[in-house]
């Protein structure tokens, strides 16, 4: 696994997200109200909604298309919904965010 710096914690608003495009697909990088950083694939398994455009609440995100809720910690759907998204390893070092990726990083959006 290769660690790639994608920016700083200040680049993501509290309870917000950014999207990064990688060879493995689009990854949503989320910041909670408690300044925890999580990364998951940016593609809802239900209808393909961009999770990085969803609402962050606690350690979860709600898909903007059909309100499915996913744990940012596990990637699993919460409540009555079933499914999951892949989680991506994250490290925060001195405010810098690094993603654990299998291949080189392509571009940040």
PDB file of N, CA and C in Angstrom:
ATOM      1  N   UNK A   1       0.850  -1.182   0.000  1.00  0.00           N
ATOM      2  CA  UNK A   1       0.000   0.000   0.000  1.00  0.00           C
ATOM      3  C   UNK A   1       0.887   1.233   0.000  1.00  0.00           C
ATOM      4  N   UNK A   2       0.485   2.206  -0.799  1.00  0.00           N
ATOM      5  CA  UNK A   2       1.199   3.475  -0.879  1.00  0.00           C
ATOM      6  C   UNK A   2       0.365   4.564  -0.214  1.00  0.00           C
ATOM      7  N   UNK A   3       1.018   5.428   0.561  1.00  0.00           N
ATOM      8  CA  UNK A   3       0.332   6.532   1.224  1.00  0.00           C
ATOM      9  C   UNK A   3       0.506   7.796   0.405  1.00  0.00           C
ATOM     10  N   UNK A   4      -0.621   8.437   0.070  1.00  0.00           N
ATOM     11  CA  UNK A   4      -0.609   9.625  -0.770  1.00  0.00           C
ATOM     12  C   UNK A   4      -1.260  10.789  -0.048  1.00  0.00           C
ATOM     13  N   UNK A   5      -0.515  11.889   0.063  1.00  0.00           N
ATOM     14  CA  UNK A   5      -1.072  13.096   0.680  1.00  0.00           C
ATOM     15  C   UNK A   5      -2.048  13.744  -0.286  1.00  0.00           C
ATOM     16  N   UNK A   6      -3.231  14.097   0.234  1.00  0.00           N
ATOM     17  CA  UNK A   6      -4.252  14.703  -0.622  1.00  0.00           C
ATOM     18  C   UNK A   6      -4.614  16.122  -0.196  1.00  0.00           C
ATOM     19  N   UNK A   7      -4.027  16.600   0.891  1.00  0.00           N
ATOM     20  CA  UNK A   7      -4.336  17.943   1.375  1.00  0.00           C
ATOM     21  C   UNK A   7      -4.291  17.973   2.883  1.00  0.00           C
ATOM     22  N   UNK A   8      -4.915  19.008   3.445  1.00  0.00           N
ATOM     23  CA  UNK A   8      -4.920  19.163   4.896  1.00  0.00           C
ATOM     24  C   UNK A   8      -6.348  19.060   5.424  1.00  0.00           C
ATOM     25  N   UNK A   9      -6.450  18.882   6.715  1.00  0.00           N
ATOM     26  CA  UNK A   9      -7.768  18.782   7.342  1.00  0.00           C
ATOM     27  C   UNK A   9      -8.557  20.069   7.142  1.00  0.00           C
ATOM     28  N   UNK A  10      -7.855  21.207   7.049  1.00  0.00           N
ATOM     29  CA  UNK A  10      -8.527  22.486   6.832  1.00  0.00           C
ATOM     30  C   UNK A  10      -9.135  22.596   5.434  1.00  0.00           C
ATOM     31  N   UNK A  11      -8.716  21.739   4.506  1.00  0.00           N
ATOM     32  CA  UNK A  11      -9.269  21.758   3.145  1.00  0.00           C
ATOM     33  C   UNK A  11     -10.695  21.223   3.090  1.00  0.00           C
ATOM     34  N   UNK A  12     -11.121  20.530   4.153  1.00  0.00           N
ATOM     35  CA  UNK A  12     -12.455  19.946   4.196  1.00  0.00           C
ATOM     36  C   UNK A  12     -13.239  20.627   5.313  1.00  0.00           C
ATOM     37  N   UNK A  13     -14.391  21.195   5.019  1.00  0.00           N
ATOM     38  CA  UNK A  13     -15.165  21.841   6.085  1.00  0.00           C
ATOM     39  C   UNK A  13     -15.680  20.811   7.091  1.00  0.00           C
ATOM     40  N   UNK A  14     -15.856  21.235   8.339  1.00  0.00           N
ATOM     41  CA  UNK A  14     -16.445  20.350   9.350  1.00  0.00           C
ATOM     42  C   UNK A  14     -17.803  19.879   8.842  1.00  0.00           C
ATOM     43  N   UNK A  15     -18.077  18.580   9.003  1.00  0.00           N
ATOM     44  CA  UNK A  15     -19.306  17.934   8.514  1.00  0.00           C
ATOM     45  C   UNK A  15     -19.449  18.077   7.007  1.00  0.00           C
ATOM     46  N   UNK A  16     -18.294  18.019   6.313  1.00  0.00           N
ATOM     47  CA  UNK A  16     -18.286  18.123   4.862  1.00  0.00           C
ATOM     48  C   UNK A  16     -17.407  17.062   4.239  1.00  0.00           C
ATOM     49  N   UNK A  17     -17.206  17.176   2.922  1.00  0.00           N
ATOM     50  CA  UNK A  17     -16.431  16.174   2.194  1.00  0.00           C
ATOM     51  C   UNK A  17     -15.765  16.787   0.965  1.00  0.00           C
ATOM     52  N   UNK A  18     -14.798  16.065   0.469  1.00  0.00           N
ATOM     53  CA  UNK A  18     -14.149  16.348  -0.810  1.00  0.00           C
ATOM     54  C   UNK A  18     -14.062  15.029  -1.556  1.00  0.00           C
ATOM     55  N   UNK A  19     -13.875  15.114  -2.861  1.00  0.00           N
ATOM     56  CA  UNK A  19     -13.767  13.920  -3.686  1.00  0.00           C
ATOM     57  C   UNK A  19     -12.385  13.887  -4.332  1.00  0.00           C
ATOM     58  N   UNK A  20     -11.793  12.687  -4.382  1.00  0.00           N
ATOM     59  CA  UNK A  20     -10.495  12.475  -5.011  1.00  0.00           C
ATOM     60  C   UNK A  20     -10.666  11.377  -6.052  1.00  0.00           C
ATOM     61  N   UNK A  21     -10.128  11.598  -7.247  1.00  0.00           N
ATOM     62  CA  UNK A  21     -10.182  10.585  -8.299  1.00  0.00           C
ATOM     63  C   UNK A  21      -8.877   9.805  -8.298  1.00  0.00           C
ATOM     64  N   UNK A  22      -8.991   8.478  -8.239  1.00  0.00           N
ATOM     65  CA  UNK A  22      -7.825   7.596  -8.195  1.00  0.00           C
ATOM     66  C   UNK A  22      -7.984   6.504  -9.251  1.00  0.00           C
ATOM     67  N   UNK A  23      -6.933   5.728  -9.507  1.00  0.00           N
ATOM     68  CA  UNK A  23      -7.077   4.591 -10.423  1.00  0.00           C
ATOM     69  C   UNK A  23      -8.108   3.571  -9.924  1.00  0.00           C
ATOM     70  N   UNK A  24      -8.391   3.572  -8.634  1.00  0.00           N
ATOM     71  CA  UNK A  24      -9.375   2.659  -8.059  1.00  0.00           C
ATOM     72  C   UNK A  24     -10.787   3.242  -8.074  1.00  0.00           C
ATOM     73  N   UNK A  25     -10.947   4.448  -8.578  1.00  0.00           N
ATOM     74  CA  UNK A  25     -12.255   5.093  -8.629  1.00  0.00           C
ATOM     75  C   UNK A  25     -12.285   6.350  -7.786  1.00  0.00           C
ATOM     76  N   UNK A  26     -13.477   6.933  -7.683  1.00  0.00           N
ATOM     77  CA  UNK A  26     -13.654   8.165  -6.911  1.00  0.00           C
ATOM     78  C   UNK A  26     -13.786   7.828  -5.431  1.00  0.00           C
ATOM     79  N   UNK A  27     -13.086   8.596  -4.610  1.00  0.00           N
ATOM     80  CA  UNK A  27     -13.100   8.401  -3.166  1.00  0.00           C
ATOM     81  C   UNK A  27     -13.606   9.674  -2.505  1.00  0.00           C
ATOM     82  N   UNK A  28     -14.591   9.523  -1.624  1.00  0.00           N
ATOM     83  CA  UNK A  28     -15.068  10.632  -0.819  1.00  0.00           C
ATOM     84  C   UNK A  28     -14.277  10.686   0.471  1.00  0.00           C
ATOM     85  N   UNK A  29     -13.750  11.856   0.795  1.00  0.00           N
ATOM     86  CA  UNK A  29     -12.991  12.056   2.036  1.00  0.00           C
ATOM     87  C   UNK A  29     -13.822  12.985   2.911  1.00  0.00           C
ATOM     88  N   UNK A  30     -14.171  12.520   4.105  1.00  0.00           N
ATOM     89  CA  UNK A  30     -15.138  13.177   4.975  1.00  0.00           C
ATOM     90  C   UNK A  30     -14.490  13.657   6.263  1.00  0.00           C
ATOM     91  N   UNK A  31     -14.984  14.796   6.754  1.00  0.00           N
ATOM     92  CA  UNK A  31     -14.548  15.339   8.047  1.00  0.00           C
ATOM     93  C   UNK A  31     -15.785  15.477   8.935  1.00  0.00           C
ATOM     94  N   UNK A  32     -15.744  14.859  10.106  1.00  0.00           N
ATOM     95  CA  UNK A  32     -16.869  14.949  11.025  1.00  0.00           C
ATOM     96  C   UNK A  32     -16.785  16.221  11.847  1.00  0.00           C
ATOM     97  N   UNK A  33     -17.818  16.477  12.626  1.00  0.00           N
ATOM     98  CA  UNK A  33     -17.829  17.643  13.518  1.00  0.00           C
ATOM     99  C   UNK A  33     -16.727  17.546  14.567  1.00  0.00           C
ATOM    100  N   UNK A  34     -16.278  16.315  14.859  1.00  0.00           N
ATOM    101  CA  UNK A  34     -15.200  16.078  15.830  1.00  0.00           C
ATOM    102  C   UNK A  34     -13.829  16.019  15.166  1.00  0.00           C
ATOM    103  N   UNK A  35     -13.732  16.462  13.919  1.00  0.00           N
ATOM    104  CA  UNK A  35     -12.492  16.493  13.138  1.00  0.00           C
ATOM    105  C   UNK A  35     -11.899  15.114  12.860  1.00  0.00           C
ATOM    106  N   UNK A  36     -12.723  14.081  12.864  1.00  0.00           N
ATOM    107  CA  UNK A  36     -12.264  12.774  12.423  1.00  0.00           C
ATOM    108  C   UNK A  36     -12.350  12.737  10.906  1.00  0.00           C
ATOM    109  N   UNK A  37     -11.389  12.069  10.262  1.00  0.00           N
ATOM    110  CA  UNK A  37     -11.345  11.979   8.811  1.00  0.00           C
ATOM    111  C   UNK A  37     -11.566  10.525   8.395  1.00  0.00           C
ATOM    112  N   UNK A  38     -12.463  10.335   7.429  1.00  0.00           N
ATOM    113  CA  UNK A  38     -12.762   9.009   6.883  1.00  0.00           C
ATOM    114  C   UNK A  38     -12.744   9.088   5.365  1.00  0.00           C
ATOM    115  N   UNK A  39     -12.494   7.951   4.732  1.00  0.00           N
ATOM    116  CA  UNK A  39     -12.551   7.881   3.273  1.00  0.00           C
ATOM    117  C   UNK A  39     -13.295   6.616   2.863  1.00  0.00           C
ATOM    118  N   UNK A  40     -14.239   6.774   1.939  1.00  0.00           N
ATOM    119  CA  UNK A  40     -15.005   5.650   1.402  1.00  0.00           C
ATOM    120  C   UNK A  40     -15.176   5.861  -0.095  1.00  0.00           C
ATOM    121  N   UNK A  41     -15.486   4.783  -0.815  1.00  0.00           N
ATOM    122  CA  UNK A  41     -15.737   4.972  -2.235  1.00  0.00           C
ATOM    123  C   UNK A  41     -16.943   5.889  -2.395  1.00  0.00           C
ATOM    124  N   UNK A  42     -16.879   6.742  -3.392  1.00  0.00           N
ATOM    125  CA  UNK A  42     -17.877   7.806  -3.579  1.00  0.00           C
ATOM    126  C   UNK A  42     -18.993   7.356  -4.514  1.00  0.00           C
ATOM    127  N   UNK A  43     -19.586   6.209  -4.196  1.00  0.00           N
ATOM    128  CA  UNK A  43     -20.580   5.629  -5.096  1.00  0.00           C
ATOM    129  C   UNK A  43     -21.560   4.795  -4.283  1.00  0.00           C
ATOM    130  N   UNK A  44     -22.766   5.292  -4.091  1.00  0.00           N
ATOM    131  CA  UNK A  44     -23.782   4.554  -3.349  1.00  0.00           C
ATOM    132  C   UNK A  44     -24.160   3.293  -4.129  1.00  0.00           C
ATOM    133  N   UNK A  45     -24.184   2.125  -3.482  1.00  0.00           N
ATOM    134  CA  UNK A  45     -24.521   0.897  -4.189  1.00  0.00           C
ATOM    135  C   UNK A  45     -25.993   0.815  -4.606  1.00  0.00           C
ATOM    136  N   UNK A  46     -26.834   1.673  -4.040  1.00  0.00           N
ATOM    137  CA  UNK A  46     -28.262   1.654  -4.354  1.00  0.00           C
ATOM    138  C   UNK A  46     -28.529   2.204  -5.747  1.00  0.00           C
ATOM    139  N   UNK A  47     -28.175   3.456  -5.976  1.00  0.00           N
ATOM    140  CA  UNK A  47     -28.427   4.101  -7.271  1.00  0.00           C
ATOM    141  C   UNK A  47     -27.225   4.893  -7.793  1.00  0.00           C
ATOM    142  N   UNK A  48     -26.049   4.666  -7.205  1.00  0.00           N
ATOM    143  CA  UNK A  48     -24.838   5.319  -7.691  1.00  0.00           C
ATOM    144  C   UNK A  48     -24.667   6.754  -7.277  1.00  0.00           C
ATOM    145  N   UNK A  49     -25.394   7.200  -6.273  1.00  0.00           N
ATOM    146  CA  UNK A  49     -25.300   8.592  -5.827  1.00  0.00           C
ATOM    147  C   UNK A  49     -23.912   8.946  -5.328  1.00  0.00           C
ATOM    148  N   UNK A  50     -23.495  10.201  -5.511  1.00  0.00           N
ATOM    149  CA  UNK A  50     -22.192  10.666  -5.035  1.00  0.00           C
ATOM    150  C   UNK A  50     -22.241  10.929  -3.525  1.00  0.00           C
ATOM    151  N   UNK A  51     -21.718  10.020  -2.748  1.00  0.00           N
ATOM    152  CA  UNK A  51     -21.789  10.149  -1.288  1.00  0.00           C
ATOM    153  C   UNK A  51     -21.076  11.399  -0.780  1.00  0.00           C
ATOM    154  N   UNK A  52     -20.057  11.868  -1.511  1.00  0.00           N
ATOM    155  CA  UNK A  52     -19.346  13.077  -1.080  1.00  0.00           C
ATOM    156  C   UNK A  52     -20.243  14.314  -1.133  1.00  0.00           C
ATOM    157  N   UNK A  53     -21.393  14.218  -1.772  1.00  0.00           N
ATOM    158  CA  UNK A  53     -22.349  15.325  -1.806  1.00  0.00           C
ATOM    159  C   UNK A  53     -23.476  15.136  -0.792  1.00  0.00           C
ATOM    160  N   UNK A  54     -23.347  14.104   0.033  1.00  0.00           N
ATOM    161  CA  UNK A  54     -24.369  13.809   1.035  1.00  0.00           C
ATOM    162  C   UNK A  54     -24.193  14.617   2.306  1.00  0.00           C
ATOM    163  N   UNK A  55     -25.070  14.360   3.264  1.00  0.00           N
ATOM    164  CA  UNK A  55     -25.048  15.054   4.548  1.00  0.00           C
ATOM    165  C   UNK A  55     -24.285  14.205   5.561  1.00  0.00           C
ATOM    166  N   UNK A  56     -23.258  14.804   6.183  1.00  0.00           N
ATOM    167  CA  UNK A  56     -22.469  14.122   7.209  1.00  0.00           C
ATOM    168  C   UNK A  56     -23.103  14.393   8.564  1.00  0.00           C
ATOM    169  N   UNK A  57     -23.376  13.339   9.314  1.00  0.00           N
ATOM    170  CA  UNK A  57     -23.948  13.471  10.655  1.00  0.00           C
ATOM    171  C   UNK A  57     -23.327  12.378  11.524  1.00  0.00           C
ATOM    172  N   UNK A  58     -22.746  12.803  12.644  1.00  0.00           N
ATOM    173  CA  UNK A  58     -22.014  11.844  13.469  1.00  0.00           C
ATOM    174  C   UNK A  58     -20.913  11.218  12.638  1.00  0.00           C
ATOM    175  N   UNK A  59     -20.824   9.880  12.659  1.00  0.00           N
ATOM    176  CA  UNK A  59     -19.844   9.157  11.851  1.00  0.00           C
ATOM    177  C   UNK A  59     -20.533   8.451  10.693  1.00  0.00           C
ATOM    178  N   UNK A  60     -21.495   9.142  10.073  1.00  0.00           N
ATOM    179  CA  UNK A  60     -22.263   8.573   8.965  1.00  0.00           C
ATOM    180  C   UNK A  60     -22.494   9.641   7.906  1.00  0.00           C
ATOM    181  N   UNK A  61     -22.875   9.169   6.709  1.00  0.00           N
ATOM    182  CA  UNK A  61     -23.236  10.072   5.616  1.00  0.00           C
ATOM    183  C   UNK A  61     -24.527   9.556   4.992  1.00  0.00           C
ATOM    184  N   UNK A  62     -25.407  10.489   4.624  1.00  0.00           N
ATOM    185  CA  UNK A  62     -26.659  10.155   3.961  1.00  0.00           C
ATOM    186  C   UNK A  62     -26.521  10.454   2.474  1.00  0.00           C
ATOM    187  N   UNK A  63     -26.828   9.465   1.637  1.00  0.00           N
ATOM    188  CA  UNK A  63     -26.758   9.626   0.186  1.00  0.00           C
ATOM    189  C   UNK A  63     -27.722  10.729  -0.250  1.00  0.00           C
ATOM    190  N   UNK A  64     -27.281  11.618  -1.146  1.00  0.00           N
ATOM    191  CA  UNK A  64     -28.148  12.709  -1.580  1.00  0.00           C
ATOM    192  C   UNK A  64     -29.292  12.268  -2.502  1.00  0.00           C
ATOM    193  N   UNK A  65     -29.257  11.066  -3.037  1.00  0.00           N
ATOM    194  CA  UNK A  65     -30.306  10.651  -3.974  1.00  0.00           C
ATOM    195  C   UNK A  65     -31.516  10.024  -3.294  1.00  0.00           C
ATOM    196  N   UNK A  66     -31.292   9.034  -2.425  1.00  0.00           N
ATOM    197  CA  UNK A  66     -32.423   8.308  -1.853  1.00  0.00           C
ATOM    198  C   UNK A  66     -32.311   8.101  -0.346  1.00  0.00           C
ATOM    199  N   UNK A  67     -31.486   8.893   0.307  1.00  0.00           N
ATOM    200  CA  UNK A  67     -31.387   8.925   1.772  1.00  0.00           C
ATOM    201  C   UNK A  67     -30.879   7.651   2.433  1.00  0.00           C
ATOM    202  N   UNK A  68     -30.171   6.795   1.699  1.00  0.00           N
ATOM    203  CA  UNK A  68     -29.519   5.674   2.372  1.00  0.00           C
ATOM    204  C   UNK A  68     -28.417   6.250   3.248  1.00  0.00           C
ATOM    205  N   UNK A  69     -28.201   5.636   4.407  1.00  0.00           N
ATOM    206  CA  UNK A  69     -27.203   6.111   5.365  1.00  0.00           C
ATOM    207  C   UNK A  69     -26.095   5.067   5.475  1.00  0.00           C
ATOM    208  N   UNK A  70     -24.834   5.539   5.411  1.00  0.00           N
ATOM    209  CA  UNK A  70     -23.675   4.653   5.493  1.00  0.00           C
ATOM    210  C   UNK A  70     -22.759   5.067   6.636  1.00  0.00           C
ATOM    211  N   UNK A  71     -22.254   4.073   7.342  1.00  0.00           N
ATOM    212  CA  UNK A  71     -21.251   4.309   8.372  1.00  0.00           C
ATOM    213  C   UNK A  71     -19.945   4.707   7.694  1.00  0.00           C
ATOM    214  N   UNK A  72     -19.347   5.804   8.133  1.00  0.00           N
ATOM    215  CA  UNK A  72     -18.045   6.198   7.605  1.00  0.00           C
ATOM    216  C   UNK A  72     -16.942   5.305   8.159  1.00  0.00           C
ATOM    217  N   UNK A  73     -17.190   4.663   9.292  1.00  0.00           N
ATOM    218  CA  UNK A  73     -16.202   3.776   9.912  1.00  0.00           C
ATOM    219  C   UNK A  73     -16.123   2.419   9.219  1.00  0.00           C
ATOM    220  N   UNK A  74     -17.278   1.850   8.891  1.00  0.00           N
ATOM    221  CA  UNK A  74     -17.314   0.485   8.349  1.00  0.00           C
ATOM    222  C   UNK A  74     -17.711   0.420   6.885  1.00  0.00           C
ATOM    223  N   UNK A  75     -18.360   1.455   6.366  1.00  0.00           N
ATOM    224  CA  UNK A  75     -18.860   1.449   5.004  1.00  0.00           C
ATOM    225  C   UNK A  75     -20.198   0.749   4.845  1.00  0.00           C
ATOM    226  N   UNK A  76     -20.736   0.188   5.923  1.00  0.00           N
ATOM    227  CA  UNK A  76     -21.992  -0.562   5.848  1.00  0.00           C
ATOM    228  C   UNK A  76     -23.199   0.362   5.920  1.00  0.00           C
ATOM    229  N   UNK A  77     -24.257  -0.043   5.191  1.00  0.00           N
ATOM    230  CA  UNK A  77     -25.521   0.684   5.255  1.00  0.00           C
ATOM    231  C   UNK A  77     -26.117   0.521   6.642  1.00  0.00           C
ATOM    232  N   UNK A  78     -26.756   1.567   7.130  1.00  0.00           N
ATOM    233  CA  UNK A  78     -27.361   1.555   8.462  1.00  0.00           C
ATOM    234  C   UNK A  78     -28.872   1.493   8.344  1.00  0.00           C
ATOM    235  N   UNK A  79     -29.527   1.086   9.414  1.00  0.00           N
ATOM    236  CA  UNK A  79     -30.982   1.015   9.408  1.00  0.00           C
ATOM    237  C   UNK A  79     -31.460  -0.186   8.616  1.00  0.00           C
ATOM    238  N   UNK A  80     -32.573  -0.018   7.926  1.00  0.00           N
ATOM    239  CA  UNK A  80     -33.196  -1.121   7.186  1.00  0.00           C
ATOM    240  C   UNK A  80     -32.507  -1.388   5.843  1.00  0.00           C
ATOM    241  N   UNK A  81     -31.658  -0.473   5.390  1.00  0.00           N
ATOM    242  CA  UNK A  81     -31.012  -0.643   4.092  1.00  0.00           C
ATOM    243  C   UNK A  81     -29.880  -1.669   4.185  1.00  0.00           C
ATOM    244  N   UNK A  82     -29.600  -2.327   3.063  1.00  0.00           N
ATOM    245  CA  UNK A  82     -28.536  -3.317   3.009  1.00  0.00           C
ATOM    246  C   UNK A  82     -27.556  -2.957   1.917  1.00  0.00           C
ATOM    247  N   UNK A  83     -26.296  -3.214   2.173  1.00  0.00           N
ATOM    248  CA  UNK A  83     -25.244  -2.922   1.210  1.00  0.00           C
ATOM    249  C   UNK A  83     -24.069  -2.290   1.924  1.00  0.00           C
ATOM    250  N   UNK A  84     -23.025  -2.037   1.172  1.00  0.00           N
ATOM    251  CA  UNK A  84     -21.846  -1.405   1.759  1.00  0.00           C
ATOM    252  C   UNK A  84     -20.996  -0.772   0.665  1.00  0.00           C
ATOM    253  N   UNK A  85     -20.119   0.095   1.101  1.00  0.00           N
ATOM    254  CA  UNK A  85     -19.120   0.705   0.230  1.00  0.00           C
ATOM    255  C   UNK A  85     -17.758   0.407   0.835  1.00  0.00           C
ATOM    256  N   UNK A  86     -16.761   0.412  -0.002  1.00  0.00           N
ATOM    257  CA  UNK A  86     -15.399   0.128   0.442  1.00  0.00           C
ATOM    258  C   UNK A  86     -14.844   1.303   1.244  1.00  0.00           C
ATOM    259  N   UNK A  87     -14.212   0.994   2.375  1.00  0.00           N
ATOM    260  CA  UNK A  87     -13.517   2.023   3.147  1.00  0.00           C
ATOM    261  C   UNK A  87     -12.061   2.074   2.690  1.00  0.00           C
ATOM    262  N   UNK A  88     -11.476   3.248   2.792  1.00  0.00           N
ATOM    263  CA  UNK A  88     -10.096   3.474   2.374  1.00  0.00           C
ATOM    264  C   UNK A  88      -9.291   3.868   3.611  1.00  0.00           C
ATOM    265  N   UNK A  89      -8.113   3.262   3.823  1.00  0.00           N
ATOM    266  CA  UNK A  89      -7.295   3.645   4.983  1.00  0.00           C
ATOM    267  C   UNK A  89      -6.900   5.119   4.927  1.00  0.00           C
ATOM    268  N   UNK A  90      -6.964   5.775   6.086  1.00  0.00           N
ATOM    269  CA  UNK A  90      -6.627   7.198   6.206  1.00  0.00           C
ATOM    270  C   UNK A  90      -5.681   7.397   7.383  1.00  0.00           C
ATOM    271  N   UNK A  91      -4.726   8.271   7.175  1.00  0.00           N
ATOM    272  CA  UNK A  91      -3.856   8.740   8.262  1.00  0.00           C
ATOM    273  C   UNK A  91      -3.886  10.259   8.249  1.00  0.00           C
ATOM    274  N   UNK A  92      -3.861  10.856   9.435  1.00  0.00           N
ATOM    275  CA  UNK A  92      -3.714  12.308   9.546  1.00  0.00           C
ATOM    276  C   UNK A  92      -2.443  12.553  10.345  1.00  0.00           C
ATOM    277  N   UNK A  93      -1.478  13.208   9.713  1.00  0.00           N
ATOM    278  CA  UNK A  93      -0.184  13.482  10.338  1.00  0.00           C
ATOM    279  C   UNK A  93       0.063  14.981  10.272  1.00  0.00           C
ATOM    280  N   UNK A  94       0.141  15.617  11.437  1.00  0.00           N
ATOM    281  CA  UNK A  94       0.356  17.067  11.517  1.00  0.00           C
ATOM    282  C   UNK A  94      -0.634  17.836  10.644  1.00  0.00           C
ATOM    283  N   UNK A  95      -1.896  17.384  10.648  1.00  0.00           N
ATOM    284  CA  UNK A  95      -2.935  18.056   9.895  1.00  0.00           C
ATOM    285  C   UNK A  95      -3.005  17.677   8.429  1.00  0.00           C
ATOM    286  N   UNK A  96      -2.052  16.884   7.940  1.00  0.00           N
ATOM    287  CA  UNK A  96      -2.040  16.446   6.545  1.00  0.00           C
ATOM    288  C   UNK A  96      -2.810  15.130   6.422  1.00  0.00           C
ATOM    289  N   UNK A  97      -3.624  15.007   5.392  1.00  0.00           N
ATOM    290  CA  UNK A  97      -4.423  13.801   5.165  1.00  0.00           C
ATOM    291  C   UNK A  97      -3.726  12.921   4.138  1.00  0.00           C
ATOM    292  N   UNK A  98      -3.539  11.649   4.500  1.00  0.00           N
ATOM    293  CA  UNK A  98      -2.938  10.678   3.590  1.00  0.00           C
ATOM    294  C   UNK A  98      -3.899   9.516   3.400  1.00  0.00           C
ATOM    295  N   UNK A  99      -4.037   9.071   2.143  1.00  0.00           N
ATOM    296  CA  UNK A  99      -4.873   7.920   1.822  1.00  0.00           C
ATOM    297  C   UNK A  99      -3.979   6.737   1.492  1.00  0.00           C
ATOM    298  N   UNK A 100      -4.363   5.561   1.971  1.00  0.00           N
ATOM    299  CA  UNK A 100      -3.658   4.326   1.646  1.00  0.00           C
ATOM    300  C   UNK A 100      -4.237   3.737   0.375  1.00  0.00           C
ATOM    301  N   UNK A 101      -3.480   3.832  -0.717  1.00  0.00           N
ATOM    302  CA  UNK A 101      -3.956   3.382  -2.021  1.00  0.00           C
ATOM    303  C   UNK A 101      -3.041   2.310  -2.580  1.00  0.00           C
ATOM    304  N   UNK A 102      -3.616   1.467  -3.416  1.00  0.00           N
ATOM    305  CA  UNK A 102      -2.846   0.403  -4.035  1.00  0.00           C
ATOM    306  C   UNK A 102      -1.989   0.919  -5.182  1.00  0.00           C
ATOM    307  N   UNK A 103      -2.426   2.003  -5.823  1.00  0.00           N
ATOM    308  CA  UNK A 103      -1.711   2.579  -6.971  1.00  0.00           C
ATOM    309  C   UNK A 103      -1.545   4.079  -6.778  1.00  0.00           C
ATOM    310  N   UNK A 104      -0.882   4.688  -7.733  1.00  0.00           N
ATOM    311  CA  UNK A 104      -0.604   6.122  -7.659  1.00  0.00           C
ATOM    312  C   UNK A 104      -1.890   6.942  -7.731  1.00  0.00           C
ATOM    313  N   UNK A 105      -1.867   8.078  -7.090  1.00  0.00           N
ATOM    314  CA  UNK A 105      -2.987   9.012  -7.085  1.00  0.00           C
ATOM    315  C   UNK A 105      -3.024   9.766  -8.403  1.00  0.00           C
ATOM    316  N   UNK A 106      -4.247   9.963  -8.943  1.00  0.00           N
ATOM    317  CA  UNK A 106      -4.365  10.661 -10.225  1.00  0.00           C
ATOM    318  C   UNK A 106      -4.643  12.153 -10.054  1.00  0.00           C
ATOM    319  N   UNK A 107      -5.769  12.516  -9.435  1.00  0.00           N
ATOM    320  CA  UNK A 107      -6.123  13.938  -9.358  1.00  0.00           C
ATOM    321  C   UNK A 107      -7.080  14.177  -8.198  1.00  0.00           C
ATOM    322  N   UNK A 108      -6.983  15.344  -7.629  1.00  0.00           N
ATOM    323  CA  UNK A 108      -7.928  15.758  -6.577  1.00  0.00           C
ATOM    324  C   UNK A 108      -8.921  16.729  -7.198  1.00  0.00           C
ATOM    325  N   UNK A 109     -10.154  16.658  -6.719  1.00  0.00           N
ATOM    326  CA  UNK A 109     -11.198  17.569  -7.228  1.00  0.00           C
ATOM    327  C   UNK A 109     -11.609  18.537  -6.160  1.00  0.00           C
TER     328      UNK A 109
END
